Amino acid sequence: MNTIATEHLADDKLHELKKLAATVYLCQILTFMLAGLPLLIGVAINFYKRKEVQGTWLESHFNWQINTAWIALAGFALTGFLLETGFGFYILLMTLLWMIYRIAIGWYALNDGLAVEKQTHLENLFSK
């Protein structure tokens, strides 16, 4: 009986953390409309709750989201520096497409209850 209650508690906690990961993906999507603020809020959530997901399949999502945020911020900063040279627009376009790719891969894996694999390819996204 005690084991069943513990498993139920663990499932509830995992479900709550899965909702949190979905919220961070939503923050990353909102970055397209609200500049970088939702991206920073999402990465703050990831760092705050990171210890709670250690050892679970959700840990890969938190790491994936953190990497997405930092590399996107670096791309946005590089865009700002190079905007006057004409290359900034292309870097911004690549950064935005890369973010869309990362959010889509992560979101679909999260909805399927799977960890995000480091070598995920586009064909895996559409093979289901």
C-alpha atoms as a PDB file:
ATOM      1  CA  MET A   1       0.000   0.000   0.000  1.00  0.00           C
ATOM      2  CA  ASN A   2       2.776   2.418   0.932  1.00  0.00           C
ATOM      3  CA  THR A   3       4.581   1.648  -2.344  1.00  0.00           C
ATOM      4  CA  ILE A   4       1.455   2.478  -4.333  1.00  0.00           C
ATOM      5  CA  ALA A   5       1.074   5.799  -2.532  1.00  0.00           C
ATOM      6  CA  THR A   6       4.744   6.627  -3.160  1.00  0.00           C
ATOM      7  CA  GLU A   7       4.436   5.761  -6.864  1.00  0.00           C
ATOM      8  CA  HIS A   8       1.301   7.903  -7.141  1.00  0.00           C
ATOM      9  CA  LEU A   9       3.113  10.819  -5.487  1.00  0.00           C
ATOM     10  CA  ALA A  10       6.065  10.375  -7.847  1.00  0.00           C
ATOM     11  CA  ASP A  11       3.706  10.271 -10.852  1.00  0.00           C
ATOM     12  CA  ASP A  12       1.960  13.441  -9.679  1.00  0.00           C
ATOM     13  CA  LYS A  13       5.300  15.216  -9.235  1.00  0.00           C
ATOM     14  CA  LEU A  14       6.498  14.055 -12.657  1.00  0.00           C
ATOM     15  CA  HIS A  15       3.247  15.255 -14.227  1.00  0.00           C
ATOM     16  CA  GLU A  16       3.679  18.645 -12.552  1.00  0.00           C
ATOM     17  CA  LEU A  17       7.255  18.926 -13.841  1.00  0.00           C
ATOM     18  CA  LYS A  18       6.100  17.915 -17.329  1.00  0.00           C
ATOM     19  CA  LYS A  19       3.613  20.805 -17.231  1.00  0.00           C
ATOM     20  CA  LEU A  20       6.457  23.071 -16.180  1.00  0.00           C
ATOM     21  CA  ALA A  21       8.565  21.947 -19.148  1.00  0.00           C
ATOM     22  CA  ALA A  22       5.585  22.654 -21.427  1.00  0.00           C
ATOM     23  CA  THR A  23       5.314  26.118 -19.867  1.00  0.00           C
ATOM     24  CA  VAL A  24       8.961  26.794 -20.685  1.00  0.00           C
ATOM     25  CA  TYR A  25       8.383  25.720 -24.303  1.00  0.00           C
ATOM     26  CA  LEU A  26       5.457  28.160 -24.342  1.00  0.00           C
ATOM     27  CA  CYS A  27       7.748  30.902 -23.006  1.00  0.00           C
ATOM     28  CA  GLN A  28      10.150  30.149 -25.840  1.00  0.00           C
ATOM     29  CA  ILE A  29       7.313  30.462 -28.359  1.00  0.00           C
ATOM     30  CA  LEU A  30       6.204  33.762 -26.815  1.00  0.00           C
ATOM     31  CA  THR A  31       9.711  35.086 -27.404  1.00  0.00           C
ATOM     32  CA  PHE A  32       8.731  35.579 -31.051  1.00  0.00           C
ATOM     33  CA  MET A  33       6.043  38.093 -30.023  1.00  0.00           C
ATOM     34  CA  LEU A  34       7.466  39.625 -26.849  1.00  0.00           C
ATOM     35  CA  ALA A  35      11.180  39.925 -27.658  1.00  0.00           C
ATOM     36  CA  GLY A  36      13.527  38.129 -25.238  1.00  0.00           C
ATOM     37  CA  LEU A  37      11.754  38.483 -21.887  1.00  0.00           C
ATOM     38  CA  PRO A  38       9.802  35.180 -22.001  1.00  0.00           C
ATOM     39  CA  LEU A  39      13.003  33.401 -23.021  1.00  0.00           C
ATOM     40  CA  LEU A  40      14.742  34.700 -19.897  1.00  0.00           C
ATOM     41  CA  ILE A  41      11.767  33.771 -17.706  1.00  0.00           C
ATOM     42  CA  GLY A  42      11.798  30.256 -19.152  1.00  0.00           C
ATOM     43  CA  VAL A  43      15.506  29.731 -18.536  1.00  0.00           C
ATOM     44  CA  ALA A  44      15.094  31.048 -14.976  1.00  0.00           C
ATOM     45  CA  ILE A  45      12.366  28.436 -14.380  1.00  0.00           C
ATOM     46  CA  ASN A  46      14.673  25.751 -15.768  1.00  0.00           C
ATOM     47  CA  PHE A  47      17.512  26.683 -13.447  1.00  0.00           C
ATOM     48  CA  TYR A  48      15.202  27.001 -10.439  1.00  0.00           C
ATOM     49  CA  LYS A  49      13.629  23.527 -10.893  1.00  0.00           C
ATOM     50  CA  ARG A  50      16.619  21.746 -12.415  1.00  0.00           C
ATOM     51  CA  LYS A  51      17.431  19.669  -9.313  1.00  0.00           C
ATOM     52  CA  GLU A  52      13.900  18.253  -9.185  1.00  0.00           C
ATOM     53  CA  VAL A  53      14.199  16.670 -12.632  1.00  0.00           C
ATOM     54  CA  GLN A  54      17.632  15.117 -12.166  1.00  0.00           C
ATOM     55  CA  GLY A  55      17.598  11.458 -13.048  1.00  0.00           C
ATOM     56  CA  THR A  56      14.280  11.629 -14.920  1.00  0.00           C
ATOM     57  CA  TRP A  57      13.551  11.792 -18.628  1.00  0.00           C
ATOM     58  CA  LEU A  58      12.560  15.435 -18.111  1.00  0.00           C
ATOM     59  CA  GLU A  59      16.170  16.343 -17.335  1.00  0.00           C
ATOM     60  CA  SER A  60      16.948  16.139 -21.055  1.00  0.00           C
ATOM     61  CA  HIS A  61      14.161  18.645 -21.762  1.00  0.00           C
ATOM     62  CA  PHE A  62      15.450  21.096 -19.178  1.00  0.00           C
ATOM     63  CA  ASN A  63      18.980  20.852 -20.597  1.00  0.00           C
ATOM     64  CA  TRP A  64      17.595  21.183 -24.144  1.00  0.00           C
ATOM     65  CA  GLN A  65      15.632  24.303 -23.157  1.00  0.00           C
ATOM     66  CA  ILE A  66      18.594  25.884 -21.375  1.00  0.00           C
ATOM     67  CA  ASN A  67      20.866  25.297 -24.371  1.00  0.00           C
ATOM     68  CA  THR A  68      18.206  26.672 -26.709  1.00  0.00           C
ATOM     69  CA  ALA A  69      17.873  29.842 -24.640  1.00  0.00           C
ATOM     70  CA  TRP A  70      21.594  30.602 -24.338  1.00  0.00           C
ATOM     71  CA  ILE A  71      22.398  29.940 -27.986  1.00  0.00           C
ATOM     72  CA  ALA A  72      19.366  31.985 -29.090  1.00  0.00           C
ATOM     73  CA  LEU A  73      20.472  34.886 -26.894  1.00  0.00           C
ATOM     74  CA  ALA A  74      23.960  34.665 -28.390  1.00  0.00           C
ATOM     75  CA  GLY A  75      22.428  34.697 -31.885  1.00  0.00           C
ATOM     76  CA  PHE A  76      20.325  37.747 -31.021  1.00  0.00           C
ATOM     77  CA  ALA A  77      23.380  39.555 -29.615  1.00  0.00           C
ATOM     78  CA  LEU A  78      25.423  38.731 -32.716  1.00  0.00           C
ATOM     79  CA  THR A  79      22.546  39.992 -34.841  1.00  0.00           C
ATOM     80  CA  GLY A  80      22.632  43.303 -33.001  1.00  0.00           C
ATOM     81  CA  PHE A  81      26.353  43.691 -33.552  1.00  0.00           C
ATOM     82  CA  LEU A  82      26.228  42.832 -37.244  1.00  0.00           C
ATOM     83  CA  LEU A  83      22.927  44.432 -38.239  1.00  0.00           C
ATOM     84  CA  GLU A  84      24.591  47.381 -39.969  1.00  0.00           C
ATOM     85  CA  THR A  85      26.871  45.144 -42.028  1.00  0.00           C
ATOM     86  CA  GLY A  86      23.977  43.298 -43.634  1.00  0.00           C
ATOM     87  CA  PHE A  87      24.937  39.951 -42.116  1.00  0.00           C
ATOM     88  CA  GLY A  88      22.809  40.600 -39.044  1.00  0.00           C
ATOM     89  CA  PHE A  89      19.592  39.876 -40.918  1.00  0.00           C
ATOM     90  CA  TYR A  90      20.868  36.465 -42.037  1.00  0.00           C
ATOM     91  CA  ILE A  91      22.058  35.585 -38.542  1.00  0.00           C
ATOM     92  CA  LEU A  92      18.664  36.616 -37.142  1.00  0.00           C
ATOM     93  CA  LEU A  93      16.898  34.460 -39.726  1.00  0.00           C
ATOM     94  CA  MET A  94      19.104  31.452 -38.923  1.00  0.00           C
ATOM     95  CA  THR A  95      18.604  31.982 -35.181  1.00  0.00           C
ATOM     96  CA  LEU A  96      14.816  32.136 -35.538  1.00  0.00           C
ATOM     97  CA  LEU A  97      14.663  29.035 -37.748  1.00  0.00           C
ATOM     98  CA  TRP A  98      16.958  27.198 -35.329  1.00  0.00           C
ATOM     99  CA  MET A  99      14.701  28.152 -32.400  1.00  0.00           C
ATOM    100  CA  ILE A 100      11.602  26.930 -34.238  1.00  0.00           C
ATOM    101  CA  TYR A 101      13.358  23.636 -34.929  1.00  0.00           C
ATOM    102  CA  ARG A 102      14.477  23.209 -31.292  1.00  0.00           C
ATOM    103  CA  ILE A 103      11.065  24.106 -29.862  1.00  0.00           C
ATOM    104  CA  ALA A 104       9.258  21.736 -32.250  1.00  0.00           C
ATOM    105  CA  ILE A 105      11.594  18.807 -31.524  1.00  0.00           C
ATOM    106  CA  GLY A 106      11.339  19.357 -27.776  1.00  0.00           C
ATOM    107  CA  TRP A 107       7.583  19.910 -27.748  1.00  0.00           C
ATOM    108  CA  TYR A 108       6.831  16.758 -29.749  1.00  0.00           C
ATOM    109  CA  ALA A 109       9.163  14.649 -27.606  1.00  0.00           C
ATOM    110  CA  LEU A 110       7.580  16.056 -24.428  1.00  0.00           C
ATOM    111  CA  ASN A 111       4.058  15.290 -25.650  1.00  0.00           C
ATOM    112  CA  ASP A 112       5.152  11.733 -26.487  1.00  0.00           C
ATOM    113  CA  GLY A 113       6.665  11.341 -23.016  1.00  0.00           C
ATOM    114  CA  LEU A 114      10.161  10.870 -24.421  1.00  0.00           C
ATOM    115  CA  ALA A 115      13.535  12.338 -23.564  1.00  0.00           C
ATOM    116  CA  VAL A 116      15.068  14.689 -26.115  1.00  0.00           C
ATOM    117  CA  GLU A 117      17.926  12.939 -27.846  1.00  0.00           C
ATOM    118  CA  LYS A 118      21.016  14.954 -28.668  1.00  0.00           C
ATOM    119  CA  GLN A 119      21.105  13.667 -32.241  1.00  0.00           C
ATOM    120  CA  THR A 120      17.456  14.196 -33.087  1.00  0.00           C
ATOM    121  CA  HIS A 121      16.831  14.745 -36.787  1.00  0.00           C
ATOM    122  CA  LEU A 122      13.920  16.273 -38.644  1.00  0.00           C
ATOM    123  CA  GLU A 123      12.858  12.926 -40.080  1.00  0.00           C
ATOM    124  CA  ASN A 124      12.301  11.636 -36.523  1.00  0.00           C
ATOM    125  CA  LEU A 125       9.819  14.464 -36.008  1.00  0.00           C
ATOM    126  CA  PHE A 126       7.599  13.269 -38.854  1.00  0.00           C
ATOM    127  CA  SER A 127       8.149   9.511 -38.643  1.00  0.00           C
ATOM    128  CA  LYS A 128       5.347   8.900 -36.133  1.00  0.00           C
END
